[in-house]
Every structure is written in structure tokens, then in C-alpha cells.
C-alpha atoms as a PDB file:
ATOM      1  CA  MET A   1       0.000   0.000   0.000  1.00  0.00           C
ATOM      2  CA  LYS A   2       1.060   3.548  -0.712  1.00  0.00           C
ATOM      3  CA  ALA A   3       1.102   6.217   1.993  1.00  0.00           C
ATOM      4  CA  ILE A   4      -0.422   9.582   1.086  1.00  0.00           C
ATOM      5  CA  TYR A   5       0.671  12.528   3.240  1.00  0.00           C
ATOM      6  CA  ARG A   6      -1.412  15.708   3.526  1.00  0.00           C
ATOM      7  CA  LEU A   7      -0.432  18.780   5.525  1.00  0.00           C
ATOM      8  CA  ASP A   8      -3.430  21.030   6.207  1.00  0.00           C
ATOM      9  CA  GLY A   9      -5.327  19.301   3.395  1.00  0.00           C
ATOM     10  CA  LYS A  10      -2.618  19.749   0.737  1.00  0.00           C
ATOM     11  CA  LYS A  11      -0.530  16.835  -0.525  1.00  0.00           C
ATOM     12  CA  ILE A  12       3.086  16.872   0.564  1.00  0.00           C
ATOM     13  CA  SER A  13       5.826  14.512  -0.564  1.00  0.00           C
ATOM     14  CA  LYS A  14       7.508  12.201   1.896  1.00  0.00           C
ATOM     15  CA  LYS A  15      10.828  13.825   1.036  1.00  0.00           C
ATOM     16  CA  ALA A  16       9.578  17.323   1.911  1.00  0.00           C
ATOM     17  CA  LEU A  17       7.962  16.015   5.088  1.00  0.00           C
ATOM     18  CA  THR A  18      11.193  14.263   6.077  1.00  0.00           C
ATOM     19  CA  GLU A  19      13.165  17.485   5.587  1.00  0.00           C
ATOM     20  CA  MET A  20      10.645  19.324   7.758  1.00  0.00           C
ATOM     21  CA  MET A  21      10.322  16.801  10.616  1.00  0.00           C
ATOM     22  CA  GLY A  22      13.153  14.290  10.371  1.00  0.00           C
ATOM     23  CA  ALA A  23      13.174  10.731   9.055  1.00  0.00           C
ATOM     24  CA  GLU A  24      12.641   8.989  12.402  1.00  0.00           C
ATOM     25  CA  GLU A  25       9.540  11.043  13.235  1.00  0.00           C
ATOM     26  CA  VAL A  26       7.980  10.421   9.798  1.00  0.00           C
ATOM     27  CA  LYS A  27       8.734   6.711  10.102  1.00  0.00           C
ATOM     28  CA  ARG A  28       7.186   6.560  13.593  1.00  0.00           C
ATOM     29  CA  MET A  29       4.013   8.375  12.544  1.00  0.00           C
ATOM     30  CA  THR A  30       3.634   6.259   9.395  1.00  0.00           C
ATOM     31  CA  LYS A  31       4.044   3.064  11.417  1.00  0.00           C
ATOM     32  CA  GLU A  32       1.461   4.243  13.966  1.00  0.00           C
ATOM     33  CA  ALA A  33      -0.969   5.236  11.188  1.00  0.00           C
ATOM     34  CA  TRP A  34      -0.517   1.845   9.491  1.00  0.00           C
ATOM     35  CA  LYS A  35      -1.233  -0.013  12.727  1.00  0.00           C
ATOM     36  CA  THR A  36      -4.359   2.087  13.348  1.00  0.00           C
ATOM     37  CA  THR A  37      -5.556   1.589   9.761  1.00  0.00           C
ATOM     38  CA  MET A  38      -5.201  -2.180  10.057  1.00  0.00           C
ATOM     39  CA  GLU A  39      -7.325  -2.132  13.228  1.00  0.00           C
ATOM     40  CA  ASP A  40     -10.024   0.126  11.722  1.00  0.00           C
ATOM     41  CA  PRO A  41      -9.800   1.111   8.013  1.00  0.00           C
ATOM     42  CA  GLN A  42     -12.362   3.923   8.458  1.00  0.00           C
ATOM     43  CA  ILE A  43     -10.365   5.848  11.066  1.00  0.00           C
ATOM     44  CA  CYS A  44      -8.745   9.189  10.200  1.00  0.00           C
ATOM     45  CA  ASN A  45      -5.014   9.299  11.012  1.00  0.00           C
ATOM     46  CA  ASP A  46      -4.336  12.928  11.973  1.00  0.00           C
ATOM     47  CA  PHE A  47      -1.304  14.230  13.833  1.00  0.00           C
ATOM     48  CA  PHE A  48      -0.680  17.797  15.022  1.00  0.00           C
ATOM     49  CA  ILE A  49       2.932  18.595  14.165  1.00  0.00           C
ATOM     50  CA  GLY A  50       3.205  22.268  15.139  1.00  0.00           C
ATOM     51  CA  LYS A  51       3.160  23.472  11.528  1.00  0.00           C
ATOM     52  CA  GLY A  52      -0.376  22.178  10.975  1.00  0.00           C
ATOM     53  CA  MET A  53      -2.352  18.956  10.855  1.00  0.00           C
ATOM     54  CA  LEU A  54      -0.733  16.009   9.118  1.00  0.00           C
ATOM     55  CA  ASN A  55      -3.058  13.358   7.700  1.00  0.00           C
ATOM     56  CA  ILE A  56      -1.717   9.971   6.592  1.00  0.00           C
ATOM     57  CA  GLU A  57      -3.888   7.699   4.458  1.00  0.00           C
ATOM     58  CA  PHE A  58      -3.103   4.504   2.600  1.00  0.00           C
ATOM     59  CA  GLN A  59      -4.129   3.521  -0.933  1.00  0.00           C
ATOM     60  CA  ASN A  60      -3.651   0.420  -3.053  1.00  0.00           C
END
């Protein structure tokens, strides 16, 4: 599955997000979002990161 990142509703690349937050933080949030999605596919994975709301969704 492919991870789609949105910052305040606008798509952002993983590379740009990594530069903004750091690779470990992006990896941690993606892993947490994946785990939550596997438990309940309808849940919205939002994280407040200080620069706005980050939403992570997964697509086939």
C-alpha cells in the first residue's frame, strides 16, 4: 500500500515532510498510522505537528 501525506489538506511529498520533521519522526508516525488503519480502516489518522495537521492515508 502507498502512503499519502497531507499537511493542512494539501498533498506533501515524503521527502519534503522528512526534511521538515526528520526521518525517524515520519517513520514513527507512518508506522502508527498503518497499525491504526489495520485495526479500523475507516479511522482518520491525523497528527498535530506544530506546523499544521498532518493526515496519513493509505491507498492500493
